[in-house]
Amino acid sequence: MELDDFQTRFAKVLLRHRLLLRLNQEELAEKAGLHRTHVSILERKRQVPSMIAVLKIASAIGVTLTELFREVESDQRPGEEPPAIPKGRPPKDQGTQVGRRKADPKKRGVSPKQR
């Protein structure tokens, strides 16, 4: 297996497990003792994971190194697929916007002095 292929496969396995566990990158990073950006970098195939990072990730997702590497090396489709990733940002909770008024589109970009 080429290094680029390993990197791609590891990223897919990492993302799949994170989504199956319904964790965001920050939550997985906290469980693994890594920084959130490190998880992001690995998922985006920007860096080859170190053995320490692989060990921490395996522990955080509840698998052994053997199971994790077996899945990375496997050409078979996984038995269980994660839920689809919702597009865009989650909707804002309307209850937290206490005291905020809706912007008047006529006054957008106009300072109080210009009105």
Protein backbone atom coordinates (compact mmCIF):
# COMPACT_ATOMS: atom_id res chain seq x y z
CA MET A 1 0.00 0.00 0.00
CA GLU A 2 1.36 3.39 -0.98
CA LEU A 3 1.61 6.16 1.63
CA ASP A 4 -0.96 8.34 -0.19
CA ASP A 5 -3.38 5.41 -0.33
CA PHE A 6 -2.88 4.76 3.39
CA GLN A 7 -3.51 8.42 4.17
CA THR A 8 -6.74 8.44 2.13
CA ARG A 9 -8.01 5.19 3.63
CA PHE A 10 -7.15 6.24 7.19
CA ALA A 11 -8.99 9.54 6.71
CA LYS A 12 -12.13 7.72 5.49
CA VAL A 13 -12.04 5.24 8.37
CA LEU A 14 -11.50 8.02 10.92
CA LEU A 15 -14.40 10.09 9.54
CA ARG A 16 -16.66 7.04 9.36
CA HIS A 17 -16.01 6.06 12.98
CA ARG A 18 -16.40 9.63 14.22
CA LEU A 19 -19.78 9.93 12.48
CA LEU A 20 -20.94 6.51 13.71
CA LEU A 21 -20.15 7.64 17.25
CA ARG A 22 -21.96 10.93 16.51
CA LEU A 23 -19.00 12.99 17.65
CA ASN A 24 -17.78 16.25 16.22
CA GLN A 25 -14.07 16.77 15.66
CA GLU A 26 -13.65 18.60 18.94
CA GLU A 27 -15.32 15.82 20.95
CA LEU A 28 -13.23 13.11 19.30
CA ALA A 29 -10.06 15.14 19.80
CA GLU A 30 -10.87 15.56 23.49
CA LYS A 31 -11.46 11.82 23.94
CA ALA A 32 -8.21 11.05 22.12
CA GLY A 33 -6.13 13.71 23.86
CA LEU A 34 -5.41 15.48 20.57
CA HIS A 35 -6.09 19.00 19.31
CA ARG A 36 -9.21 19.51 17.19
CA THR A 37 -7.16 20.81 14.29
CA HIS A 38 -5.09 17.62 14.36
CA VAL A 39 -8.23 15.53 13.84
CA SER A 40 -9.30 17.88 11.04
CA ILE A 41 -5.90 17.65 9.35
CA LEU A 42 -6.00 13.84 9.47
CA GLU A 43 -9.56 13.69 8.09
CA ARG A 44 -8.59 16.01 5.23
CA LYS A 45 -5.50 13.91 4.36
CA ARG A 46 -3.13 16.79 5.04
CA GLN A 47 -0.77 14.76 7.24
CA VAL A 48 0.26 11.15 7.73
CA PRO A 49 -0.80 10.16 11.25
CA SER A 50 1.91 9.33 13.75
CA MET A 51 1.70 6.01 15.59
CA ILE A 52 0.94 7.90 18.80
CA ALA A 53 -2.01 9.66 17.13
CA VAL A 54 -3.25 6.35 15.64
CA LEU A 55 -3.05 4.67 19.05
CA LYS A 56 -4.92 7.53 20.74
CA ILE A 57 -7.60 7.57 18.03
CA ALA A 58 -8.08 3.79 18.18
CA SER A 59 -8.54 4.00 21.95
CA ALA A 60 -10.96 6.94 21.63
CA ILE A 61 -13.16 5.16 19.07
CA GLY A 62 -13.06 1.90 21.03
CA VAL A 63 -11.12 -0.39 18.68
CA THR A 64 -7.73 -2.06 18.83
CA LEU A 65 -4.88 -1.07 16.54
CA THR A 66 -5.32 -4.40 14.77
CA GLU A 67 -9.01 -3.72 14.08
CA LEU A 68 -8.28 -0.18 12.93
CA PHE A 69 -5.49 -1.22 10.56
CA ARG A 70 -7.53 -4.17 9.28
CA GLU A 71 -10.28 -1.73 8.33
CA VAL A 72 -7.82 0.71 6.74
CA GLU A 73 -6.29 -2.09 4.66
CA SER A 74 -9.60 -3.75 3.73
CA ASP A 75 -11.04 -3.39 0.25
CA GLN A 76 -14.50 -4.45 1.44
CA ARG A 77 -17.27 -1.97 1.98
CA PRO A 78 -18.03 -1.41 5.67
CA GLY A 79 -21.11 -3.16 7.04
CA GLU A 80 -22.55 -0.09 8.75
CA GLU A 81 -22.52 3.33 7.14
CA PRO A 82 -22.60 6.53 9.19
CA PRO A 83 -25.48 8.98 8.93
CA ALA A 84 -25.23 11.61 6.22
CA ILE A 85 -23.47 14.83 7.13
CA PRO A 86 -25.98 17.70 7.15
CA LYS A 87 -25.12 20.47 4.71
CA GLY A 88 -24.40 23.96 5.97
CA ARG A 89 -24.48 25.30 9.50
CA PRO A 90 -27.05 24.09 12.00
CA PRO A 91 -29.98 26.49 12.47
CA LYS A 92 -29.60 29.02 15.26
CA ASP A 93 -31.72 28.53 18.33
CA GLN A 94 -34.30 31.33 18.21
CA GLY A 95 -34.66 31.26 22.01
CA THR A 96 -31.09 32.51 22.54
CA GLN A 97 -31.60 35.70 20.56
CA VAL A 98 -33.29 37.58 23.43
CA GLY A 99 -33.24 41.33 23.01
CA ARG A 100 -32.13 41.28 19.39
CA ARG A 101 -34.27 43.04 16.85
CA LYS A 102 -34.56 41.94 13.28
CA ALA A 103 -32.47 44.17 11.01
CA ASP A 104 -34.38 46.62 8.87
CA PRO A 105 -33.24 45.98 5.28
CA LYS A 106 -33.80 49.66 4.41
CA LYS A 107 -31.28 50.70 7.06
CA ARG A 108 -28.65 48.08 6.25
CA GLY A 109 -25.17 49.55 5.98
CA VAL A 110 -26.30 53.05 6.99
CA SER A 111 -24.82 54.63 10.07
CA PRO A 112 -27.09 56.52 12.53
CA LYS A 113 -25.61 59.84 11.35
CA GLN A 114 -26.60 59.12 7.74
CA ARG A 115 -30.27 58.39 8.60
